[in-house]
Amino acid sequence: MRKPLTLLVSIALATGCAGASPPGGGGLTLAKDGTFTFAIPADQGILDPYRNLLPLGEMGSLAYDPLVNVTPEGKVVSGLATSWKADAETATFTLRKGITCSDGSPLTPSTVARVFGFLKDPKNQSPMYGLLVPTTPFEVSADDAAGTVKVTMKKPFALLVETLGRVPIVCDKGLDNPELLGTTSAGSGPYVLTKVVRGDHYTFTRRDGYTWGPDGAAGNAPGSPATIVVKVVPNETTRANLLLSGEINMAGVGGPDRDRLQARKLERYDVSTILGELWYNQRDGRPGADPLVRQALTAALDLDELTRVSTTGTGRRAGSLVANLAQPCAADSATGRLPAADPVRAAALLDQAGWAKGADGTRAKNGRKLLMDLHYSPSEGEGSVAATELVAKRWQAAGVTVKLTADDPAALSRTMFETGDFDAYWAGFKFDLPSHILPWASGEAPPKGQNFAGIDNPDFVRLAAEAAATPGAAGCKLWNEAERALFKAADVVPISIAQQPYYFHKAKAATEGWLQQPIPTSIRVLR
């Protein structure tokens, strides 16, 4: 089962804040072998990092290491690899000596090559394919004696370090028996998953001898927690209460409750996150397969109004599907490319598409009502829920019959990647590089691919292919043009972006530059 790159669940994914200071300042000192507890809004489901996007979140980064890391300032530094050399055709990573997996076995280049070999095969249906693993065919080889892994592309691909270099590496024990990953971890990271209580909490225990974190960071620095507990707390008010009482050390709180946290002067860092996107299902038989309908439904909406509602007045219009302004190709690709709010034009486009308005005010064609089954995830917050209700109201005013369907994380994954039974999805996906958009907006629909909305946009495909083979600023320009092609066709509509605050209580951490999540080796517990 696949799970999308959502918020999370995506997760504190800009320049990240360089780290939080001790809350309240004076008198706090580093705790010895303490426990760091942070709250997440929903159980993240499947724990196998190659069958879920968990490793892109806080939990996965505790147990699994990539070949390279990114500093709060956006600089690429060492991880499992101490050095690397890459262009658009080859990439060679040299692994650090002495790396061990959580079971004590050595991590070798052969293991990394085995990981890449598994993930690059689309038959294995990993969500890593197309996200961090290029869909462009490539060969991979390992030299254990030299400590190197080499990737050779069959066609140029210009972001090898930014993609393959960021793949979380599962050790041989987990590759041999993926079922083990349901209850424990099998990586080289600074922590090991030692307890799973579904729907309630996950416990991670610090490893001894870990010295290969970002830029050679160790796992046992003063103040490093011996135990990390990830607690599932769906209600934001409850998360705020637990922060104030000191029962948890970190949580995301983006609604009205953050006023209480700020009044207590709790330290925080902000994550740029997409709160609203509309993806129209274009598979056969769906209303969104008609570009006139997509244009009409978009024109029926006031995107500025939706931005205010979805962000509770704290955000701004999204100019891209990539929220991170520190990523290499950051740009506003949406302004001027989306249909302007115009209910009159929306009605005319629906008439042109053959959806006539009846005496009761609803539209139909050939005896079939224009029905839009609009899905959303309540875990994305009250603002997103209110925004989807507003979308439904505006569409109903245009004569569309709207069904609102709320999906929990498991249902979201099932709807997108198994049943495909939706007409539009309000989502908060967050892509960290423009190349990450490619498998979600082109190629085959599930189960053979990740194009869950069945988008067929030849201009996007052509421009993205050119961008993938073009390094530097010229490649970024092509990536941005590719994104604009999606917006021009109303295949997907970016709506809102906001800063999601994460608060600390008696703890601090530095945040990763692209993912904007806490760097595990930087977490400190205070007393």
Protein backbone atom coordinates (compact mmCIF):
# COMPACT_ATOMS: atom_id res chain seq x y z
CA MET A 1 0.00 0.00 0.00
CA ARG A 2 1.30 3.42 -0.89
CA LYS A 3 1.18 6.56 1.15
CA PRO A 4 1.47 10.01 -0.35
CA LEU A 5 3.76 12.78 0.40
CA THR A 6 1.39 14.57 2.59
CA LEU A 7 1.91 17.23 5.03
CA LEU A 8 2.60 14.99 7.56
CA VAL A 9 2.34 13.69 8.08
CA SER A 10 4.37 15.65 5.58
CA ILE A 11 5.88 16.37 7.96
CA ALA A 12 8.16 18.88 9.05
CA LEU A 13 9.82 18.66 5.79
CA ALA A 14 13.94 26.67 3.55
CA THR A 15 15.82 27.52 5.21
CA GLY A 16 15.29 25.84 8.50
CA CYS A 17 15.76 27.68 11.72
CA ALA A 18 19.22 26.94 12.99
CA GLY A 19 17.82 25.53 16.19
CA ALA A 20 15.75 26.43 19.18
CA SER A 21 17.14 28.01 22.30
CA PRO A 22 16.19 26.70 25.74
CA PRO A 23 12.57 27.72 26.37
CA GLY A 24 12.29 30.57 28.77
CA GLY A 25 16.06 30.99 28.85
CA GLY A 26 17.89 31.05 32.18
CA GLY A 27 18.51 28.22 34.53
CA LEU A 28 17.97 25.31 32.16
CA THR A 29 20.79 22.83 31.71
CA LEU A 30 21.33 19.75 29.57
CA ALA A 31 19.73 16.58 30.91
CA LYS A 32 21.71 13.35 31.01
CA ASP A 33 20.13 10.41 29.18
CA GLY A 34 16.70 12.00 29.24
CA THR A 35 13.54 11.20 27.29
CA PHE A 36 12.40 13.38 24.41
CA THR A 37 8.69 13.05 23.58
CA PHE A 38 7.08 14.59 20.54
CA ALA A 39 3.53 14.38 19.28
CA ILE A 40 2.26 13.62 15.81
CA PRO A 41 -1.36 14.15 14.68
CA ALA A 42 -1.96 10.68 13.21
CA ASP A 43 -0.56 7.18 13.34
CA GLN A 44 1.78 6.84 10.39
CA GLY A 45 0.71 3.30 9.54
CA ILE A 46 3.12 1.12 7.63
CA LEU A 47 6.63 1.24 9.13
CA ASP A 48 8.53 -0.30 6.22
CA PRO A 49 10.28 2.76 4.75
CA TYR A 50 10.14 1.38 1.22
CA ARG A 51 6.40 0.86 1.36
CA ASN A 52 5.58 4.16 3.00
CA LEU A 53 6.96 7.67 3.10
CA LEU A 54 7.71 7.41 6.81
CA PRO A 55 11.46 7.99 6.38
CA LEU A 56 10.72 11.47 5.14
CA GLY A 57 9.31 12.28 8.56
CA GLU A 58 10.57 12.63 12.09
CA MET A 59 10.18 8.95 12.95
CA GLY A 60 12.04 7.53 9.99
CA SER A 61 15.00 9.88 10.32
CA LEU A 62 15.64 8.50 13.80
CA ALA A 63 16.36 5.00 12.49
CA TYR A 64 17.51 5.36 8.88
CA ASP A 65 20.40 7.34 7.43
CA PRO A 66 20.85 8.75 3.90
CA LEU A 67 24.11 8.98 2.03
CA VAL A 68 24.15 12.76 2.42
CA ASN A 69 22.49 15.26 4.75
CA VAL A 70 21.48 18.90 4.44
CA THR A 71 22.35 21.55 7.03
CA PRO A 72 19.88 24.17 8.31
CA GLU A 73 21.45 26.56 5.79
CA GLY A 74 20.79 24.16 2.90
CA LYS A 75 24.38 22.92 2.46
CA VAL A 76 24.88 19.27 1.49
CA VAL A 77 27.15 17.52 4.02
CA SER A 78 28.23 13.98 4.78
CA GLY A 79 26.02 11.18 5.99
CA LEU A 80 26.81 7.55 5.29
CA ALA A 81 29.02 8.90 2.51
CA THR A 82 32.05 11.03 3.34
CA SER A 83 32.49 12.19 -0.26
CA TRP A 84 30.63 12.10 -3.54
CA LYS A 85 31.07 13.12 -7.15
CA ALA A 86 28.17 13.53 -9.53
CA ASP A 87 27.10 14.99 -12.84
CA ALA A 88 24.03 14.30 -14.98
CA GLU A 89 25.31 10.87 -16.06
CA THR A 90 27.10 9.29 -13.08
CA ALA A 91 27.32 9.58 -9.32
CA THR A 92 29.87 7.92 -7.05
CA PHE A 93 29.48 7.86 -3.27
CA THR A 94 32.31 6.83 -0.95
CA LEU A 95 31.03 5.37 2.32
CA ARG A 96 32.43 6.13 5.73
CA LYS A 97 34.38 3.27 7.27
CA GLY A 98 33.05 1.50 10.35
CA ILE A 99 29.32 2.09 9.85
CA THR A 100 27.18 -0.56 11.51
CA CYS A 101 23.51 -1.43 11.37
CA SER A 102 21.30 -1.66 14.43
CA ASP A 103 21.91 -5.44 14.61
CA GLY A 104 25.67 -4.87 14.68
CA SER A 105 26.34 -5.97 11.11
CA PRO A 106 28.48 -3.73 8.88
CA LEU A 107 26.79 -1.48 6.33
CA THR A 108 28.55 -2.06 3.00
CA PRO A 109 28.35 -0.48 -0.45
CA SER A 110 26.79 -3.76 -1.60
CA THR A 111 23.86 -3.12 0.75
CA VAL A 112 23.37 0.38 -0.68
CA ALA A 113 23.52 -1.02 -4.22
CA ARG A 114 20.98 -3.65 -3.24
CA VAL A 115 18.66 -0.92 -1.94
CA PHE A 116 18.94 1.08 -5.16
CA GLY A 117 18.41 -2.05 -7.23
CA PHE A 118 15.20 -2.84 -5.38
CA LEU A 119 13.81 0.70 -5.45
CA LYS A 120 14.52 1.36 -9.14
CA ASP A 121 12.34 -1.56 -10.22
CA PRO A 122 8.79 -0.21 -10.70
CA LYS A 123 7.44 -3.73 -10.15
CA ASN A 124 8.28 -3.33 -6.46
CA GLN A 125 5.84 -0.40 -6.28
CA SER A 126 7.77 1.60 -3.73
CA PRO A 127 6.67 5.23 -3.28
CA MET A 128 10.40 6.02 -3.33
CA TYR A 129 10.33 5.32 -7.08
CA GLY A 130 10.01 8.68 -8.78
CA LEU A 131 10.35 10.55 -5.51
CA LEU A 132 13.93 9.92 -4.43
CA VAL A 133 14.73 7.27 -7.01
CA PRO A 134 14.74 8.51 -10.63
CA THR A 135 12.39 6.86 -13.07
CA THR A 136 15.16 7.36 -15.63
CA PRO A 137 16.77 3.88 -15.98
CA PHE A 138 20.16 3.46 -14.35
CA GLU A 139 22.67 0.80 -13.33
CA VAL A 140 24.27 0.56 -9.91
CA SER A 141 27.48 -1.18 -8.86
CA ALA A 142 29.39 -1.54 -5.59
CA ASP A 143 33.05 -1.92 -4.72
CA ASP A 144 33.23 -3.03 -1.08
CA ALA A 145 37.02 -2.93 -1.06
CA ALA A 146 37.09 0.67 -2.22
CA GLY A 147 33.98 1.55 -0.21
CA THR A 148 32.14 3.03 -3.19
CA VAL A 149 28.72 2.87 -4.82
CA LYS A 150 28.44 4.02 -8.43
CA VAL A 151 25.29 4.96 -10.31
CA THR A 152 25.36 5.17 -14.11
CA MET A 153 22.37 6.75 -15.85
CA LYS A 154 21.17 5.49 -19.22
CA LYS A 155 19.89 9.00 -19.91
CA PRO A 156 21.03 12.19 -18.16
CA PHE A 157 19.44 13.08 -14.84
CA ALA A 158 20.72 16.23 -13.17
CA LEU A 159 19.67 15.76 -9.52
CA LEU A 160 21.40 12.55 -8.46
CA VAL A 161 22.84 13.77 -5.16
CA GLU A 162 19.58 15.53 -4.26
CA THR A 163 17.54 12.37 -4.90
CA LEU A 164 19.49 9.11 -4.54
CA GLY A 165 21.74 10.74 -1.98
CA ARG A 166 18.70 11.30 0.25
CA VAL A 167 17.30 7.75 0.14
CA PRO A 168 17.09 6.29 3.67
CA ILE A 169 19.09 3.06 3.68
CA VAL A 170 17.59 -0.13 5.09
CA CYS A 171 20.14 -2.74 6.18
CA ASP A 172 20.28 -6.31 4.93
CA LYS A 173 18.24 -7.70 7.82
CA GLY A 174 15.28 -5.54 6.85
CA LEU A 175 15.73 -6.19 3.14
CA ASP A 176 15.79 -9.95 3.78
CA ASN A 177 12.67 -9.90 5.95
CA PRO A 178 10.51 -6.78 5.45
CA GLU A 179 7.91 -8.14 7.88
CA LEU A 180 10.33 -7.37 10.71
CA LEU A 181 9.95 -3.68 9.94
CA GLY A 182 6.41 -3.74 11.30
CA THR A 183 7.69 -3.92 14.86
CA THR A 184 11.30 -2.75 14.77
CA SER A 185 13.76 -0.89 12.57
CA ALA A 186 16.74 -2.17 10.59
CA GLY A 187 18.83 0.84 9.74
CA SER A 188 22.07 2.55 10.62
CA GLY A 189 20.46 5.56 12.32
CA PRO A 190 21.16 6.85 15.83
CA TYR A 191 18.02 5.24 17.28
CA VAL A 192 16.31 1.87 17.08
CA LEU A 193 12.55 1.33 17.18
CA THR A 194 12.03 -0.84 20.27
CA LYS A 195 8.31 -0.61 21.04
CA VAL A 196 5.17 -0.18 18.95
CA VAL A 197 1.75 0.58 20.43
CA ARG A 198 -0.43 1.26 17.41
CA GLY A 199 -2.47 4.41 17.60
CA ASP A 200 -0.76 5.51 20.81
CA HIS A 201 3.04 5.70 20.79
CA TYR A 202 6.34 4.47 19.37
CA THR A 203 9.54 4.18 21.42
CA PHE A 204 13.06 4.59 20.06
CA THR A 205 16.24 3.76 21.99
CA ARG A 206 19.61 5.40 21.41
CA ARG A 207 22.40 3.32 19.89
CA ASP A 208 25.91 3.21 21.28
CA GLY A 209 28.87 4.12 19.10
CA TYR A 210 27.00 6.14 16.49
CA THR A 211 29.39 8.65 14.86
CA TRP A 212 28.19 9.12 11.28
CA GLY A 213 25.45 11.72 11.58
CA PRO A 214 25.39 14.92 9.52
CA ASP A 215 28.96 16.10 8.97
CA GLY A 216 30.20 13.38 11.34
CA ALA A 217 27.90 14.18 14.29
CA ALA A 218 27.82 11.64 17.11
CA GLY A 219 24.74 10.33 18.86
CA ASN A 220 25.87 10.68 22.46
CA ALA A 221 26.60 14.40 22.81
CA PRO A 222 25.65 15.99 26.16
CA GLY A 223 21.89 16.41 26.37
CA SER A 224 21.15 13.77 23.72
CA PRO A 225 18.09 11.78 24.77
CA ALA A 226 18.56 8.11 25.56
CA THR A 227 14.92 7.51 24.63
CA ILE A 228 12.62 9.17 22.12
CA VAL A 229 8.88 8.61 22.32
CA VAL A 230 6.63 9.50 19.39
CA LYS A 231 3.12 9.97 20.75
CA VAL A 232 0.00 10.01 18.60
CA VAL A 233 -2.13 13.00 19.66
CA PRO A 234 -4.79 13.87 17.04
CA ASN A 235 -6.30 16.86 18.87
CA GLU A 236 -4.32 20.09 18.57
CA THR A 237 -5.65 21.54 21.83
CA THR A 238 -4.52 18.41 23.62
CA ARG A 239 -1.07 18.76 22.06
CA ALA A 240 -0.87 22.34 23.33
CA ASN A 241 -1.95 21.29 26.83
CA LEU A 242 0.66 18.54 26.93
CA LEU A 243 3.35 21.01 25.86
CA LEU A 244 2.39 23.49 28.55
CA SER A 245 2.32 20.80 31.23
CA GLY A 246 5.71 19.47 30.16
CA GLU A 247 4.38 16.02 29.30
CA ILE A 248 5.73 16.33 25.78
CA ASN A 249 8.76 18.22 24.46
CA MET A 250 7.73 19.05 20.93
CA ALA A 251 4.57 19.29 18.82
CA GLY A 252 3.12 21.12 15.87
CA VAL A 253 0.33 23.54 16.83
CA GLY A 254 -0.92 25.81 14.07
CA GLY A 255 -4.36 26.91 15.24
CA PRO A 256 -5.63 29.28 17.92
CA ASP A 257 -3.92 27.28 20.67
CA ARG A 258 -0.55 28.59 19.57
CA ASP A 259 -1.39 31.91 21.22
CA ARG A 260 -1.18 30.18 24.60
CA LEU A 261 2.19 28.69 23.71
CA GLN A 262 3.59 31.99 22.52
CA ALA A 263 2.37 33.68 25.70
CA ARG A 264 4.51 31.20 27.62
CA LYS A 265 7.44 32.10 25.35
CA LEU A 266 8.02 28.55 24.21
CA GLU A 267 10.65 28.38 21.50
CA ARG A 268 9.56 27.27 18.07
CA TYR A 269 10.61 26.74 14.50
CA ASP A 270 8.39 27.19 11.46
CA VAL A 271 7.91 24.82 8.56
CA SER A 272 6.70 26.10 5.21
CA THR A 273 3.91 23.76 4.24
CA ILE A 274 1.31 23.53 1.52
CA LEU A 275 -2.10 23.51 3.18
CA GLY A 276 -4.24 23.40 0.08
CA GLU A 277 -4.08 21.86 -3.38
CA LEU A 278 -6.89 20.58 -5.56
CA TRP A 279 -6.14 17.51 -7.66
CA TYR A 280 -8.79 16.65 -10.26
CA ASN A 281 -9.25 12.97 -11.08
CA GLN A 282 -8.89 12.66 -14.85
CA ARG A 283 -9.38 8.92 -15.20
CA ASP A 284 -11.93 7.68 -17.72
CA GLY A 285 -15.50 8.48 -16.81
CA ARG A 286 -14.66 11.19 -14.29
CA PRO A 287 -15.91 14.76 -14.87
CA GLY A 288 -12.37 16.06 -14.41
CA ALA A 289 -11.22 14.23 -17.53
CA ASP A 290 -12.71 17.16 -19.46
CA PRO A 291 -10.39 20.20 -19.36
CA LEU A 292 -13.40 22.49 -19.68
CA VAL A 293 -14.80 21.09 -16.43
CA ARG A 294 -11.48 21.54 -14.65
CA GLN A 295 -11.23 25.11 -15.85
CA ALA A 296 -14.84 25.78 -14.84
CA LEU A 297 -14.52 24.30 -11.36
CA THR A 298 -11.38 26.34 -10.76
CA ALA A 299 -12.97 29.55 -12.06
CA ALA A 300 -15.87 28.98 -9.65
CA LEU A 301 -13.46 29.40 -6.74
CA ASP A 302 -11.90 32.50 -5.21
CA LEU A 303 -8.43 31.20 -4.40
CA ASP A 304 -7.63 34.19 -2.20
CA GLU A 305 -10.73 33.45 -0.15
CA LEU A 306 -9.74 29.78 0.13
CA THR A 307 -6.26 30.82 1.23
CA ARG A 308 -7.65 32.90 4.09
CA VAL A 309 -9.93 30.10 5.21
CA SER A 310 -7.50 27.20 4.89
CA THR A 311 -4.71 29.04 6.73
CA THR A 312 -7.07 30.74 9.23
CA GLY A 313 -5.77 34.06 7.96
CA THR A 314 -2.10 33.32 8.65
CA GLY A 315 -0.88 32.13 5.23
CA ARG A 316 -0.53 33.22 1.65
CA ARG A 317 -1.30 32.01 -1.86
CA ALA A 318 0.89 29.13 -3.00
CA GLY A 319 2.97 29.91 -6.04
CA SER A 320 4.21 26.38 -6.53
CA LEU A 321 3.73 22.77 -5.49
CA VAL A 322 7.11 23.08 -3.72
CA ALA A 323 6.80 25.08 -0.52
CA ASN A 324 10.47 25.13 0.40
CA LEU A 325 11.99 28.41 -0.78
CA ALA A 326 15.49 27.04 -0.09
CA GLN A 327 15.24 24.27 -2.64
CA PRO A 328 17.38 24.80 -5.75
CA CYS A 329 14.61 25.75 -8.19
CA ALA A 330 12.31 27.86 -6.00
CA ALA A 331 10.02 30.13 -8.02
CA ASP A 332 6.44 31.36 -8.32
CA SER A 333 5.07 29.25 -11.16
CA ALA A 334 1.35 29.72 -10.49
CA THR A 335 0.68 33.45 -10.63
CA GLY A 336 -1.07 34.30 -13.89
CA ARG A 337 -1.41 30.66 -14.95
CA LEU A 338 -4.61 29.70 -13.12
CA PRO A 339 -8.16 30.70 -14.11
CA ALA A 340 -9.26 33.85 -12.28
CA ALA A 341 -12.32 33.72 -10.01
CA ASP A 342 -15.23 34.24 -12.38
CA PRO A 343 -18.54 32.46 -11.65
CA VAL A 344 -20.02 33.72 -14.94
CA ARG A 345 -17.19 32.19 -16.94
CA ALA A 346 -17.43 29.01 -14.85
CA ALA A 347 -21.10 28.67 -15.82
CA ALA A 348 -20.31 29.30 -19.49
CA LEU A 349 -17.57 26.65 -19.50
CA LEU A 350 -19.89 24.08 -17.94
CA ASP A 351 -22.53 24.90 -20.55
CA GLN A 352 -19.89 24.47 -23.25
CA ALA A 353 -18.92 21.10 -21.78
CA GLY A 354 -22.54 19.97 -22.10
CA TRP A 355 -23.50 20.11 -18.41
CA ALA A 356 -26.81 21.95 -18.65
CA LYS A 357 -28.52 23.54 -15.67
CA GLY A 358 -31.94 22.09 -14.90
CA ALA A 359 -35.02 23.66 -13.33
CA ASP A 360 -33.78 22.61 -9.88
CA GLY A 361 -30.49 24.44 -10.43
CA THR A 362 -28.35 21.32 -10.73
CA ARG A 363 -26.35 20.43 -13.81
CA ALA A 364 -26.61 17.19 -15.76
CA LYS A 365 -25.63 15.66 -19.08
CA ASN A 366 -27.33 12.72 -20.76
CA GLY A 367 -29.41 12.16 -17.64
CA ARG A 368 -26.36 12.05 -15.35
CA LYS A 369 -25.81 14.67 -12.66
CA LEU A 370 -22.54 16.53 -12.49
CA LEU A 371 -21.36 14.94 -9.24
CA MET A 372 -18.02 15.78 -7.64
CA ASP A 373 -16.92 13.47 -4.83
CA LEU A 374 -14.49 15.79 -3.02
CA HIS A 375 -12.15 14.03 -0.60
CA TYR A 376 -10.07 15.61 2.14
CA SER A 377 -8.10 14.64 5.24
CA PRO A 378 -9.33 16.07 8.57
CA SER A 379 -5.86 15.50 10.03
CA GLU A 380 -4.64 18.47 7.97
CA GLY A 381 -6.43 20.80 10.36
CA GLU A 382 -9.63 22.75 10.90
CA GLY A 383 -8.71 25.29 8.24
CA SER A 384 -8.50 22.63 5.55
CA VAL A 385 -11.81 21.15 6.64
CA ALA A 386 -13.47 24.57 6.45
CA ALA A 387 -11.87 25.21 3.06
CA THR A 388 -13.23 22.01 1.55
CA GLU A 389 -16.68 22.94 2.80
CA LEU A 390 -16.27 26.31 1.10
CA VAL A 391 -15.19 24.62 -2.15
CA ALA A 392 -18.35 22.50 -1.98
CA LYS A 393 -20.48 25.61 -1.42
CA ARG A 394 -18.99 27.45 -4.41
CA TRP A 395 -19.36 24.44 -6.69
CA GLN A 396 -22.95 23.91 -5.58
CA ALA A 397 -23.67 27.53 -6.47
CA ALA A 398 -22.50 26.65 -9.99
CA GLY A 399 -24.98 23.78 -10.15
CA VAL A 400 -22.60 20.99 -9.21
CA THR A 401 -23.75 18.21 -6.89
CA VAL A 402 -21.01 17.76 -4.30
CA LYS A 403 -20.29 14.88 -1.97
CA LEU A 404 -17.75 15.55 0.80
CA THR A 405 -15.71 12.54 1.94
CA ALA A 406 -13.33 12.65 4.91
CA ASP A 407 -10.37 10.23 4.78
CA ASP A 408 -8.08 9.22 7.61
CA PRO A 409 -4.46 8.50 6.54
CA ALA A 410 -5.21 4.85 5.75
CA ALA A 411 -8.31 5.73 3.72
CA LEU A 412 -6.41 8.46 1.91
CA SER A 413 -3.81 5.99 0.74
CA ARG A 414 -6.45 3.43 -0.19
CA THR A 415 -8.52 5.96 -2.16
CA MET A 416 -5.60 7.36 -4.11
CA PHE A 417 -3.62 4.23 -4.78
CA GLU A 418 -6.08 1.36 -4.69
CA THR A 419 -9.67 2.30 -5.52
CA GLY A 420 -9.18 5.62 -7.36
CA ASP A 421 -12.75 6.39 -6.33
CA PHE A 422 -12.79 10.20 -6.04
CA ASP A 423 -13.40 13.17 -8.30
CA ALA A 424 -11.24 15.78 -6.60
CA TYR A 425 -8.85 15.70 -3.68
CA TRP A 426 -8.03 18.58 -1.36
CA ALA A 427 -4.54 17.66 -0.25
CA GLY A 428 -1.56 19.23 1.44
CA PHE A 429 1.19 17.43 -0.42
CA LYS A 430 4.65 18.82 -0.05
CA PHE A 431 7.30 18.22 -2.65
CA ASP A 432 10.85 19.10 -1.71
CA LEU A 433 12.29 19.14 -5.24
CA PRO A 434 10.51 19.85 -8.53
CA SER A 435 11.51 16.40 -9.80
CA HIS A 436 9.37 14.89 -7.05
CA ILE A 437 6.23 16.07 -8.86
CA LEU A 438 6.93 13.98 -11.97
CA PRO A 439 5.57 10.54 -10.96
CA TRP A 440 2.51 12.10 -9.33
CA ALA A 441 1.51 14.07 -12.43
CA SER A 442 2.54 11.78 -15.28
CA GLY A 443 2.97 8.15 -16.21
CA GLU A 444 0.69 5.28 -15.30
CA ALA A 445 -2.03 5.30 -12.70
CA PRO A 446 -1.83 2.94 -9.71
CA PRO A 447 -1.06 0.12 -9.24
CA LYS A 448 1.54 0.41 -12.02
CA GLY A 449 2.47 4.01 -11.23
CA GLN A 450 1.85 6.89 -8.84
CA ASN A 451 -0.20 9.15 -11.11
CA PHE A 452 -3.22 8.80 -8.83
CA ALA A 453 -5.22 11.54 -10.61
CA GLY A 454 -4.57 10.12 -14.09
CA ILE A 455 -3.04 13.39 -15.36
CA ASP A 456 -2.14 13.39 -19.06
CA ASN A 457 -0.24 16.58 -19.87
CA PRO A 458 2.23 16.18 -22.78
CA ASP A 459 3.72 19.65 -22.24
CA PHE A 460 4.53 18.83 -18.63
CA VAL A 461 6.09 15.49 -19.60
CA ARG A 462 8.21 17.05 -22.35
CA LEU A 463 9.45 19.94 -20.23
CA ALA A 464 10.14 17.74 -17.21
CA ALA A 465 12.17 15.34 -19.35
CA GLU A 466 14.26 18.25 -20.66
CA ALA A 467 14.67 19.60 -17.13
CA ALA A 468 15.79 16.25 -15.76
CA ALA A 469 18.67 16.19 -18.24
CA THR A 470 19.69 19.82 -17.75
CA PRO A 471 21.82 20.85 -14.76
CA GLY A 472 21.96 24.21 -13.04
CA ALA A 473 19.85 27.31 -13.61
CA ALA A 474 18.79 26.23 -17.11
CA GLY A 475 17.35 23.03 -15.67
CA CYS A 476 15.50 24.95 -12.96
CA LYS A 477 13.92 27.18 -15.58
CA LEU A 478 12.61 24.10 -17.39
CA TRP A 479 11.29 22.56 -14.15
CA ASN A 480 9.35 25.75 -13.45
CA GLU A 481 7.96 25.82 -16.99
CA ALA A 482 6.86 22.21 -16.56
CA GLU A 483 5.00 23.11 -13.39
CA ARG A 484 3.32 26.02 -15.17
CA ALA A 485 2.01 23.59 -17.78
CA LEU A 486 0.13 21.73 -15.04
CA PHE A 487 -1.43 24.95 -13.77
CA LYS A 488 -2.37 26.21 -17.21
CA ALA A 489 -4.35 23.01 -17.80
CA ALA A 490 -5.86 23.13 -14.28
CA ASP A 491 -4.57 19.60 -13.70
CA VAL A 492 -3.71 20.58 -10.15
CA VAL A 493 -4.42 23.88 -8.42
CA PRO A 494 -2.03 25.10 -5.69
CA ILE A 495 -3.95 27.22 -3.24
CA SER A 496 -2.35 28.05 0.08
CA ILE A 497 0.90 27.96 1.95
CA ALA A 498 1.53 28.67 5.61
CA GLN A 499 4.16 28.46 8.28
CA GLN A 500 3.38 25.50 10.52
CA PRO A 501 4.83 26.24 13.98
CA TYR A 502 6.52 23.47 15.96
CA TYR A 503 7.01 24.28 19.64
CA PHE A 504 9.60 23.03 22.13
CA HIS A 505 9.29 22.64 25.89
CA LYS A 506 12.52 21.97 27.79
CA ALA A 507 14.19 20.83 24.59
CA LYS A 508 15.87 22.20 21.50
CA ALA A 509 17.05 20.97 18.10
CA ALA A 510 18.43 22.15 14.80
CA THR A 511 16.33 21.58 11.73
CA GLU A 512 17.32 20.02 8.42
CA GLY A 513 17.55 22.44 5.53
CA TRP A 514 15.29 20.80 2.90
CA LEU A 515 13.02 18.61 4.98
CA GLN A 516 12.88 21.12 7.85
CA GLN A 517 12.53 18.31 10.39
CA PRO A 518 14.62 18.05 13.57
CA ILE A 519 18.05 16.55 13.00
CA PRO A 520 18.15 13.55 15.37
CA THR A 521 21.74 14.13 16.49
CA SER A 522 20.92 17.76 17.33
CA ILE A 523 18.05 17.01 19.75
CA ARG A 524 18.81 18.10 23.30
CA VAL A 525 16.71 17.55 26.42
CA LEU A 526 16.85 20.29 29.08
CA ARG A 527 16.07 20.30 32.76
